[in-house]
C-alpha atoms as a PDB file:
ATOM      1  CA  UNK A   1     -15.520  52.809  27.688  1.00  0.00           C
ATOM      2  CA  UNK A   2     -12.282  50.423  29.366  1.00  0.00           C
ATOM      3  CA  UNK A   3     -13.521  47.830  26.376  1.00  0.00           C
ATOM      4  CA  UNK A   4     -14.830  50.416  23.961  1.00  0.00           C
ATOM      5  CA  UNK A   5     -11.505  52.079  23.639  1.00  0.00           C
ATOM      6  CA  UNK A   6      -9.172  48.850  24.773  1.00  0.00           C
ATOM      7  CA  UNK A   7      -8.010  49.700  27.769  1.00  0.00           C
ATOM      8  CA  UNK A   8      -9.269  53.345  28.339  1.00  0.00           C
ATOM      9  CA  UNK A   9      -8.410  56.567  27.511  1.00  0.00           C
ATOM     10  CA  UNK A  10      -4.266  57.395  26.923  1.00  0.00           C
ATOM     11  CA  UNK A  11      -2.327  59.386  29.393  1.00  0.00           C
ATOM     12  CA  UNK A  12      -1.403  62.813  28.513  1.00  0.00           C
ATOM     13  CA  UNK A  13      -4.118  62.525  25.332  1.00  0.00           C
ATOM     14  CA  UNK A  14      -6.996  65.009  25.135  1.00  0.00           C
ATOM     15  CA  UNK A  15     -10.316  63.696  24.301  1.00  0.00           C
ATOM     16  CA  UNK A  16     -13.099  66.008  23.194  1.00  0.00           C
ATOM     17  CA  UNK A  17     -17.125  64.826  24.770  1.00  0.00           C
ATOM     18  CA  UNK A  18     -19.557  65.997  22.667  1.00  0.00           C
ATOM     19  CA  UNK A  19     -22.795  66.653  23.169  1.00  0.00           C
ATOM     20  CA  UNK A  20     -26.266  68.278  23.220  1.00  0.00           C
ATOM     21  CA  UNK A  21     -27.270  70.468  26.639  1.00  0.00           C
ATOM     22  CA  UNK A  22     -28.353  67.949  29.394  1.00  0.00           C
ATOM     23  CA  UNK A  23     -26.930  64.528  26.800  1.00  0.00           C
ATOM     24  CA  UNK A  24     -24.740  63.731  30.261  1.00  0.00           C
ATOM     25  CA  UNK A  25     -20.945  65.677  29.454  1.00  0.00           C
ATOM     26  CA  UNK A  26     -20.997  67.120  33.033  1.00  0.00           C
ATOM     27  CA  UNK A  27     -21.589  63.163  34.755  1.00  0.00           C
ATOM     28  CA  UNK A  28     -19.261  61.603  32.037  1.00  0.00           C
ATOM     29  CA  UNK A  29     -17.196  64.536  33.726  1.00  0.00           C
ATOM     30  CA  UNK A  30     -17.713  63.733  36.850  1.00  0.00           C
ATOM     31  CA  UNK A  31     -16.912  60.242  36.878  1.00  0.00           C
ATOM     32  CA  UNK A  32     -13.734  60.816  35.165  1.00  0.00           C
ATOM     33  CA  UNK A  33     -12.463  62.835  38.049  1.00  0.00           C
ATOM     34  CA  UNK A  34     -14.115  60.546  40.683  1.00  0.00           C
ATOM     35  CA  UNK A  35     -12.660  57.099  39.136  1.00  0.00           C
ATOM     36  CA  UNK A  36      -9.252  59.123  38.648  1.00  0.00           C
ATOM     37  CA  UNK A  37      -9.489  60.557  42.568  1.00  0.00           C
ATOM     38  CA  UNK A  38     -10.001  56.603  44.038  1.00  0.00           C
ATOM     39  CA  UNK A  39      -7.446  55.450  41.792  1.00  0.00           C
ATOM     40  CA  UNK A  40      -5.438  57.952  43.606  1.00  0.00           C
ATOM     41  CA  UNK A  41      -4.844  60.292  41.167  1.00  0.00           C
ATOM     42  CA  UNK A  42      -4.738  63.730  41.300  1.00  0.00           C
ATOM     43  CA  UNK A  43      -7.965  65.275  40.022  1.00  0.00           C
ATOM     44  CA  UNK A  44      -8.959  69.064  38.664  1.00  0.00           C
ATOM     45  CA  UNK A  45     -12.515  70.560  37.747  1.00  0.00           C
ATOM     46  CA  UNK A  46     -12.743  73.604  36.501  1.00  0.00           C
ATOM     47  CA  UNK A  47     -16.217  75.009  35.971  1.00  0.00           C
ATOM     48  CA  UNK A  48     -17.272  78.295  33.335  1.00  0.00           C
ATOM     49  CA  UNK A  49     -20.964  77.904  34.077  1.00  0.00           C
ATOM     50  CA  UNK A  50     -21.857  75.848  36.538  1.00  0.00           C
ATOM     51  CA  UNK A  51     -20.944  76.248  40.117  1.00  0.00           C
ATOM     52  CA  UNK A  52     -18.858  73.939  42.872  1.00  0.00           C
ATOM     53  CA  UNK A  53     -21.398  73.524  44.724  1.00  0.00           C
ATOM     54  CA  UNK A  54     -24.245  72.418  41.769  1.00  0.00           C
ATOM     55  CA  UNK A  55     -21.057  69.937  40.662  1.00  0.00           C
ATOM     56  CA  UNK A  56     -20.700  68.551  43.763  1.00  0.00           C
ATOM     57  CA  UNK A  57     -24.640  68.412  44.390  1.00  0.00           C
ATOM     58  CA  UNK A  58     -25.213  66.053  41.194  1.00  0.00           C
ATOM     59  CA  UNK A  59     -22.395  64.131  42.587  1.00  0.00           C
ATOM     60  CA  UNK A  60     -24.170  63.486  45.726  1.00  0.00           C
ATOM     61  CA  UNK A  61     -27.308  62.106  43.950  1.00  0.00           C
ATOM     62  CA  UNK A  62     -25.254  59.338  42.458  1.00  0.00           C
ATOM     63  CA  UNK A  63     -23.856  58.890  45.645  1.00  0.00           C
ATOM     64  CA  UNK A  64     -19.938  59.955  44.845  1.00  0.00           C
ATOM     65  CA  UNK A  65     -18.817  62.484  47.908  1.00  0.00           C
ATOM     66  CA  UNK A  66     -16.911  64.780  46.626  1.00  0.00           C
ATOM     67  CA  UNK A  67     -15.224  66.732  49.073  1.00  0.00           C
ATOM     68  CA  UNK A  68     -14.175  63.225  50.672  1.00  0.00           C
ATOM     69  CA  UNK A  69     -11.743  63.316  47.834  1.00  0.00           C
ATOM     70  CA  UNK A  70      -8.893  64.516  48.993  1.00  0.00           C
ATOM     71  CA  UNK A  71      -6.553  64.762  45.785  1.00  0.00           C
ATOM     72  CA  UNK A  72      -9.526  65.748  44.033  1.00  0.00           C
ATOM     73  CA  UNK A  73     -10.764  69.822  43.030  1.00  0.00           C
ATOM     74  CA  UNK A  74     -13.215  71.259  41.618  1.00  0.00           C
ATOM     75  CA  UNK A  75     -12.943  75.025  40.224  1.00  0.00           C
ATOM     76  CA  UNK A  76     -15.332  77.361  38.608  1.00  0.00           C
ATOM     77  CA  UNK A  77     -13.268  80.035  36.722  1.00  0.00           C
ATOM     78  CA  UNK A  78     -15.875  83.244  34.940  1.00  0.00           C
ATOM     79  CA  UNK A  79     -14.725  83.217  31.357  1.00  0.00           C
ATOM     80  CA  UNK A  80     -15.719  86.464  30.665  1.00  0.00           C
ATOM     81  CA  UNK A  81     -12.146  87.517  29.368  1.00  0.00           C
ATOM     82  CA  UNK A  82     -10.556  84.298  27.567  1.00  0.00           C
ATOM     83  CA  UNK A  83      -6.886  85.479  28.604  1.00  0.00           C
ATOM     84  CA  UNK A  84      -7.096  85.837  31.801  1.00  0.00           C
ATOM     85  CA  UNK A  85      -8.767  82.871  31.839  1.00  0.00           C
ATOM     86  CA  UNK A  86      -6.110  80.805  29.989  1.00  0.00           C
ATOM     87  CA  UNK A  87      -2.811  82.473  32.313  1.00  0.00           C
ATOM     88  CA  UNK A  88      -5.378  80.968  34.920  1.00  0.00           C
ATOM     89  CA  UNK A  89      -5.565  77.987  34.000  1.00  0.00           C
ATOM     90  CA  UNK A  90      -2.322  77.469  33.728  1.00  0.00           C
ATOM     91  CA  UNK A  91      -0.902  79.007  36.314  1.00  0.00           C
ATOM     92  CA  UNK A  92      -3.592  76.373  38.002  1.00  0.00           C
ATOM     93  CA  UNK A  93      -2.678  73.587  37.005  1.00  0.00           C
ATOM     94  CA  UNK A  94       1.235  74.075  37.622  1.00  0.00           C
ATOM     95  CA  UNK A  95       0.617  74.386  41.158  1.00  0.00           C
ATOM     96  CA  UNK A  96      -2.011  71.591  41.301  1.00  0.00           C
ATOM     97  CA  UNK A  97      -0.042  68.879  38.746  1.00  0.00           C
ATOM     98  CA  UNK A  98      -2.708  66.982  38.148  1.00  0.00           C
ATOM     99  CA  UNK A  99      -3.186  63.492  36.663  1.00  0.00           C
ATOM    100  CA  UNK A 100      -6.626  64.213  35.475  1.00  0.00           C
ATOM    101  CA  UNK A 101      -8.133  67.276  33.882  1.00  0.00           C
ATOM    102  CA  UNK A 102     -11.911  68.302  32.838  1.00  0.00           C
ATOM    103  CA  UNK A 103     -12.772  71.752  31.182  1.00  0.00           C
ATOM    104  CA  UNK A 104     -16.330  72.229  31.320  1.00  0.00           C
ATOM    105  CA  UNK A 105     -17.075  73.320  28.737  1.00  0.00           C
ATOM    106  CA  UNK A 106     -14.339  74.702  26.658  1.00  0.00           C
ATOM    107  CA  UNK A 107     -17.246  75.815  24.263  1.00  0.00           C
ATOM    108  CA  UNK A 108     -18.174  78.274  26.692  1.00  0.00           C
ATOM    109  CA  UNK A 109     -14.529  79.745  27.300  1.00  0.00           C
ATOM    110  CA  UNK A 110     -14.375  79.651  23.314  1.00  0.00           C
ATOM    111  CA  UNK A 111     -17.261  82.177  23.273  1.00  0.00           C
ATOM    112  CA  UNK A 112     -15.556  85.467  24.867  1.00  0.00           C
ATOM    113  CA  UNK A 113     -12.188  84.742  22.558  1.00  0.00           C
ATOM    114  CA  UNK A 114     -11.215  88.145  21.350  1.00  0.00           C
ATOM    115  CA  UNK A 115      -9.665  89.192  18.211  1.00  0.00           C
ATOM    116  CA  UNK A 116      -6.157  90.322  18.649  1.00  0.00           C
ATOM    117  CA  UNK A 117      -5.424  93.731  19.603  1.00  0.00           C
ATOM    118  CA  UNK A 118      -2.844  94.533  16.844  1.00  0.00           C
ATOM    119  CA  UNK A 119      -5.546  93.595  14.310  1.00  0.00           C
ATOM    120  CA  UNK A 120      -8.043  96.002  15.682  1.00  0.00           C
ATOM    121  CA  UNK A 121      -8.857  98.293  12.566  1.00  0.00           C
ATOM    122  CA  UNK A 122      -8.743 102.220  13.485  1.00  0.00           C
ATOM    123  CA  UNK A 123     -11.868 103.392  11.866  1.00  0.00           C
ATOM    124  CA  UNK A 124     -15.385 103.661  13.637  1.00  0.00           C
ATOM    125  CA  UNK A 125     -17.407 101.990  11.429  1.00  0.00           C
ATOM    126  CA  UNK A 126     -15.650  98.788  11.993  1.00  0.00           C
ATOM    127  CA  UNK A 127     -15.370  98.772  15.880  1.00  0.00           C
ATOM    128  CA  UNK A 128     -18.144  96.043  15.850  1.00  0.00           C
ATOM    129  CA  UNK A 129     -15.361  93.829  14.398  1.00  0.00           C
ATOM    130  CA  UNK A 130     -12.658  94.666  17.508  1.00  0.00           C
ATOM    131  CA  UNK A 131     -15.162  92.017  19.256  1.00  0.00           C
ATOM    132  CA  UNK A 132     -15.539  90.206  17.115  1.00  0.00           C
ATOM    133  CA  UNK A 133     -13.269  86.618  16.262  1.00  0.00           C
ATOM    134  CA  UNK A 134     -12.979  85.029  12.846  1.00  0.00           C
ATOM    135  CA  UNK A 135     -12.380  81.457  13.075  1.00  0.00           C
ATOM    136  CA  UNK A 136      -8.923  82.205  12.220  1.00  0.00           C
ATOM    137  CA  UNK A 137      -8.903  84.113  16.083  1.00  0.00           C
ATOM    138  CA  UNK A 138     -11.093  80.746  17.312  1.00  0.00           C
ATOM    139  CA  UNK A 139      -8.868  78.793  16.182  1.00  0.00           C
ATOM    140  CA  UNK A 140      -5.589  80.530  17.429  1.00  0.00           C
ATOM    141  CA  UNK A 141      -7.002  80.432  20.961  1.00  0.00           C
ATOM    142  CA  UNK A 142      -7.905  77.006  21.111  1.00  0.00           C
ATOM    143  CA  UNK A 143      -4.296  76.217  19.670  1.00  0.00           C
ATOM    144  CA  UNK A 144      -2.805  77.545  22.123  1.00  0.00           C
ATOM    145  CA  UNK A 145      -5.044  76.163  24.818  1.00  0.00           C
ATOM    146  CA  UNK A 146      -4.189  72.655  23.830  1.00  0.00           C
ATOM    147  CA  UNK A 147      -0.327  73.288  23.330  1.00  0.00           C
ATOM    148  CA  UNK A 148      -0.824  74.045  26.855  1.00  0.00           C
ATOM    149  CA  UNK A 149      -2.258  72.026  28.006  1.00  0.00           C
ATOM    150  CA  UNK A 150      -0.237  69.077  26.050  1.00  0.00           C
ATOM    151  CA  UNK A 151       3.392  70.142  27.755  1.00  0.00           C
ATOM    152  CA  UNK A 152       1.207  69.577  31.534  1.00  0.00           C
ATOM    153  CA  UNK A 153       1.248  65.686  30.850  1.00  0.00           C
ATOM    154  CA  UNK A 154      -1.730  64.461  32.118  1.00  0.00           C
ATOM    155  CA  UNK A 155      -5.230  63.461  30.350  1.00  0.00           C
ATOM    156  CA  UNK A 156      -7.651  65.767  29.717  1.00  0.00           C
ATOM    157  CA  UNK A 157     -11.729  65.590  28.986  1.00  0.00           C
ATOM    158  CA  UNK A 158     -12.498  68.885  26.673  1.00  0.00           C
ATOM    159  CA  UNK A 159     -16.611  68.480  27.612  1.00  0.00           C
ATOM    160  CA  UNK A 160     -17.826  70.524  24.312  1.00  0.00           C
ATOM    161  CA  UNK A 161     -21.644  71.911  23.462  1.00  0.00           C
ATOM    162  CA  UNK A 162     -22.958  70.706  20.492  1.00  0.00           C
ATOM    163  CA  UNK A 163     -25.043  72.727  18.118  1.00  0.00           C
ATOM    164  CA  UNK A 164     -24.699  76.361  15.630  1.00  0.00           C
ATOM    165  CA  UNK A 165     -24.020  78.595  18.059  1.00  0.00           C
ATOM    166  CA  UNK A 166     -20.712  76.254  18.771  1.00  0.00           C
ATOM    167  CA  UNK A 167     -19.911  74.454  15.493  1.00  0.00           C
ATOM    168  CA  UNK A 168     -16.655  76.878  15.156  1.00  0.00           C
ATOM    169  CA  UNK A 169     -15.232  75.771  18.748  1.00  0.00           C
ATOM    170  CA  UNK A 170     -16.266  72.010  17.783  1.00  0.00           C
ATOM    171  CA  UNK A 171     -14.969  71.666  14.896  1.00  0.00           C
ATOM    172  CA  UNK A 172     -11.822  73.161  15.979  1.00  0.00           C
ATOM    173  CA  UNK A 173     -11.717  70.990  19.025  1.00  0.00           C
ATOM    174  CA  UNK A 174     -12.287  67.678  16.669  1.00  0.00           C
ATOM    175  CA  UNK A 175      -8.468  68.239  14.917  1.00  0.00           C
ATOM    176  CA  UNK A 176      -7.029  69.531  17.604  1.00  0.00           C
ATOM    177  CA  UNK A 177      -7.820  66.842  20.331  1.00  0.00           C
ATOM    178  CA  UNK A 178      -7.107  62.954  20.406  1.00  0.00           C
ATOM    179  CA  UNK A 179      -9.946  61.558  20.535  1.00  0.00           C
ATOM    180  CA  UNK A 180     -13.642  62.416  20.381  1.00  0.00           C
ATOM    181  CA  UNK A 181     -16.499  60.869  21.986  1.00  0.00           C
ATOM    182  CA  UNK A 182     -20.207  61.901  20.941  1.00  0.00           C
ATOM    183  CA  UNK A 183     -23.289  61.939  23.399  1.00  0.00           C
ATOM    184  CA  UNK A 184     -26.673  62.535  21.392  1.00  0.00           C
ATOM    185  CA  UNK A 185     -30.226  62.482  23.022  1.00  0.00           C
ATOM    186  CA  UNK A 186     -33.031  60.952  20.467  1.00  0.00           C
ATOM    187  CA  UNK A 187     -36.564  61.008  21.267  1.00  0.00           C
ATOM    188  CA  UNK A 188     -38.057  58.328  20.036  1.00  0.00           C
ATOM    189  CA  UNK A 189     -41.971  59.200  19.707  1.00  0.00           C
ATOM    190  CA  UNK A 190     -42.663  58.893  23.584  1.00  0.00           C
ATOM    191  CA  UNK A 191     -39.130  57.334  24.309  1.00  0.00           C
ATOM    192  CA  UNK A 192     -35.831  59.741  25.224  1.00  0.00           C
ATOM    193  CA  UNK A 193     -32.599  57.687  24.990  1.00  0.00           C
ATOM    194  CA  UNK A 194     -29.305  58.956  25.065  1.00  0.00           C
ATOM    195  CA  UNK A 195     -26.549  57.617  22.764  1.00  0.00           C
ATOM    196  CA  UNK A 196     -22.625  57.389  22.487  1.00  0.00           C
ATOM    197  CA  UNK A 197     -20.638  57.314  19.958  1.00  0.00           C
ATOM    198  CA  UNK A 198     -16.578  57.143  19.597  1.00  0.00           C
ATOM    199  CA  UNK A 199     -15.621  59.206  16.783  1.00  0.00           C
ATOM    200  CA  UNK A 200     -11.761  59.408  16.566  1.00  0.00           C
ATOM    201  CA  UNK A 201      -9.579  57.639  18.614  1.00  0.00           C
ATOM    202  CA  UNK A 202      -5.937  58.224  17.139  1.00  0.00           C
ATOM    203  CA  UNK A 203      -3.702  55.099  18.164  1.00  0.00           C
ATOM    204  CA  UNK A 204      -6.622  53.016  19.093  1.00  0.00           C
ATOM    205  CA  UNK A 205      -9.047  50.220  16.171  1.00  0.00           C
ATOM    206  CA  UNK A 206     -12.532  51.352  17.922  1.00  0.00           C
ATOM    207  CA  UNK A 207     -15.697  50.141  17.215  1.00  0.00           C
ATOM    208  CA  UNK A 208     -17.668  52.626  14.781  1.00  0.00           C
ATOM    209  CA  UNK A 209     -20.903  51.584  16.678  1.00  0.00           C
ATOM    210  CA  UNK A 210     -23.342  53.443  18.417  1.00  0.00           C
ATOM    211  CA  UNK A 211     -23.942  52.625  22.132  1.00  0.00           C
ATOM    212  CA  UNK A 212     -27.232  52.740  23.624  1.00  0.00           C
ATOM    213  CA  UNK A 213     -26.054  54.835  26.962  1.00  0.00           C
ATOM    214  CA  UNK A 214     -28.098  55.707  29.982  1.00  0.00           C
ATOM    215  CA  UNK A 215     -27.274  57.649  33.746  1.00  0.00           C
ATOM    216  CA  UNK A 216     -29.135  55.963  36.527  1.00  0.00           C
ATOM    217  CA  UNK A 217     -28.664  55.855  40.082  1.00  0.00           C
ATOM    218  CA  UNK A 218     -24.843  54.919  40.362  1.00  0.00           C
ATOM    219  CA  UNK A 219     -23.617  56.927  37.050  1.00  0.00           C
ATOM    220  CA  UNK A 220     -23.145  56.566  33.785  1.00  0.00           C
ATOM    221  CA  UNK A 221     -23.599  53.287  31.984  1.00  0.00           C
ATOM    222  CA  UNK A 222     -23.017  52.305  28.746  1.00  0.00           C
ATOM    223  CA  UNK A 223     -24.516  48.684  27.675  1.00  0.00           C
ATOM    224  CA  UNK A 224     -22.850  46.392  25.080  1.00  0.00           C
ATOM    225  CA  UNK A 225     -24.642  46.437  21.908  1.00  0.00           C
ATOM    226  CA  UNK A 226     -26.935  43.348  21.789  1.00  0.00           C
ATOM    227  CA  UNK A 227     -26.038  39.806  18.944  1.00  0.00           C
END
């Protein structure tokens, strides 16, 4: 990745890592977190779906004992109330002051963005719309979150799910992020393979190639293209 991006992620940038379930987003996030901790950076990994112990077991499968990384914190937050979780994230960042932050996954968190109370209709026949956010509501919630993350100045990975159920949030994240990396699972006859593509990276003249990627015993590995 460092070679592809001519040195790595820009400090303070927001990077979306998007992919299907099982593509390797969490592995990407865990490896990014571990490398930061190895470099003596403060790292915070917040999960909205997978329990902390499950993430630690996944990391241990690659030989990464995260309990030994004293400057790496993994937290699980229940995302069912977006506004409450939003405040929780901001307060945790202020307390931990991380250099690197991973949010896993932002699309999961976005599902619980609610319509602002001042926009709620009074008619009983429209009560359903109290709980159904519009595109503008999702955009507002994610833009506010991104704004708070930028204030703190850490480098952020925004892991996000691909697919129809998450399309609105994914499109918003593409615009507010400084970079977008897509991980994909492809099936060719009986063989399943993973690929990685840099869709967007501000201020970097990155290649537009699709790179072969694999997850092995050492973690995530990106292969150079053959001549």
